[in-house]
Amino acid sequence: MWGSYCDNALEKRTPFRQAHLDGLTGQKERGVLVTLGPTKDNTQVFGIYEADDELTVRNLIESDPYWQNGIWTEYQVKEWIQAF
């Protein structure tokens, strides 16, 4: 998953950060989230999910407080084939 952050995301995310991190922790514990984090300049987010289908990933993203509160402004899900 690649996505974009809103302007001033570091400030705007504060009220939603703990709920966001708690949700990611649960996804990681269930084995569906491999990794997720911002680019160094905090303009984009990148994540790798281990899911049965794209709809599962979209549901996880769209239920995240960052998506629901406009911290993430857009996203794309691309199926990835591990070649090496």
Protein backbone atom coordinates (compact mmCIF):
# COMPACT_ATOMS: atom_id res chain seq x y z
CA MET A 1 0.00 0.00 0.00
CA TRP A 2 1.16 3.50 -0.87
CA GLY A 3 -0.71 6.50 0.45
CA SER A 4 -0.41 10.22 1.08
CA TYR A 5 -0.56 12.26 4.26
CA CYS A 6 -2.40 15.53 4.71
CA ASP A 7 -0.53 18.78 5.24
CA ASN A 8 0.74 19.18 8.81
CA ALA A 9 0.12 15.47 9.46
CA LEU A 10 2.50 15.34 12.42
CA GLU A 11 0.35 17.86 14.27
CA LYS A 12 -3.06 16.76 13.02
CA ARG A 13 -2.52 13.08 13.82
CA THR A 14 -2.00 13.62 17.55
CA PRO A 15 -5.59 12.94 18.74
CA PHE A 16 -5.79 9.76 16.64
CA ARG A 17 -2.25 8.40 17.04
CA GLN A 18 -2.81 5.96 19.92
CA ALA A 19 -5.90 4.41 18.33
CA HIS A 20 -3.97 4.14 15.05
CA LEU A 21 -1.01 2.41 16.73
CA ASP A 22 -3.29 0.09 18.71
CA GLY A 23 -5.02 -0.98 15.49
CA LEU A 24 -1.71 -1.61 13.74
CA THR A 25 -0.50 -3.65 16.72
CA GLY A 26 -3.59 -5.84 16.47
CA GLN A 27 -3.09 -6.32 12.73
CA LYS A 28 0.56 -7.24 13.31
CA GLU A 29 -0.39 -9.73 16.04
CA ARG A 30 -2.94 -11.36 13.70
CA GLY A 31 -0.26 -11.65 11.02
CA VAL A 32 -2.01 -9.50 8.43
CA LEU A 33 0.34 -6.50 8.70
CA VAL A 34 3.99 -7.05 7.86
CA THR A 35 5.18 -3.45 8.10
CA LEU A 36 3.86 0.09 7.77
CA GLY A 37 5.36 3.54 8.17
CA PRO A 38 5.91 7.00 6.73
CA THR A 39 8.51 8.10 4.25
CA LYS A 40 11.30 10.11 5.84
CA ASP A 41 9.75 13.40 4.67
CA ASN A 42 6.35 12.40 6.16
CA THR A 43 4.47 12.93 2.91
CA GLN A 44 3.63 9.30 2.13
CA VAL A 45 2.89 6.05 3.92
CA PHE A 46 4.00 2.60 2.78
CA GLY A 47 2.71 -0.71 4.08
CA ILE A 48 2.96 -4.40 3.31
CA TYR A 49 0.02 -6.61 4.21
CA GLU A 50 -0.30 -10.39 4.08
CA ALA A 51 -3.95 -10.80 3.13
CA ASP A 52 -6.12 -13.12 1.08
CA ASP A 53 -7.40 -10.34 -1.15
CA GLU A 54 -7.33 -6.62 -1.89
CA LEU A 55 -10.71 -6.01 -0.27
CA THR A 56 -9.33 -7.15 3.09
CA VAL A 57 -6.51 -4.62 2.85
CA ARG A 58 -8.86 -1.83 1.78
CA ASN A 59 -11.12 -2.58 4.75
CA LEU A 60 -8.15 -2.40 7.14
CA ILE A 61 -7.00 0.90 5.67
CA GLU A 62 -10.45 2.46 5.63
CA SER A 63 -11.15 1.44 9.23
CA ASP A 64 -7.91 3.08 10.42
CA PRO A 65 -8.38 6.34 12.37
CA TYR A 66 -5.85 8.05 10.09
CA TRP A 67 -8.04 7.36 7.06
CA GLN A 68 -11.30 8.13 8.83
CA ASN A 69 -9.99 11.49 10.08
CA GLY A 70 -8.24 12.69 6.93
CA ILE A 71 -4.62 12.12 8.02
CA TRP A 72 -4.22 9.72 5.10
CA THR A 73 -5.70 11.48 2.11
CA GLU A 74 -5.42 8.83 -0.59
CA TYR A 75 -4.06 5.34 -1.04
CA GLN A 76 -3.39 2.66 -3.61
CA VAL A 77 -3.23 -1.06 -3.07
CA LYS A 78 -0.98 -2.97 -5.43
CA GLU A 79 -0.67 -6.73 -5.32
CA TRP A 80 2.97 -7.66 -4.99
CA ILE A 81 4.69 -10.81 -6.14
CA GLN A 82 7.78 -11.64 -4.13
CA ALA A 83 10.30 -12.71 -6.73
CA PHE A 84 13.42 -12.82 -4.59
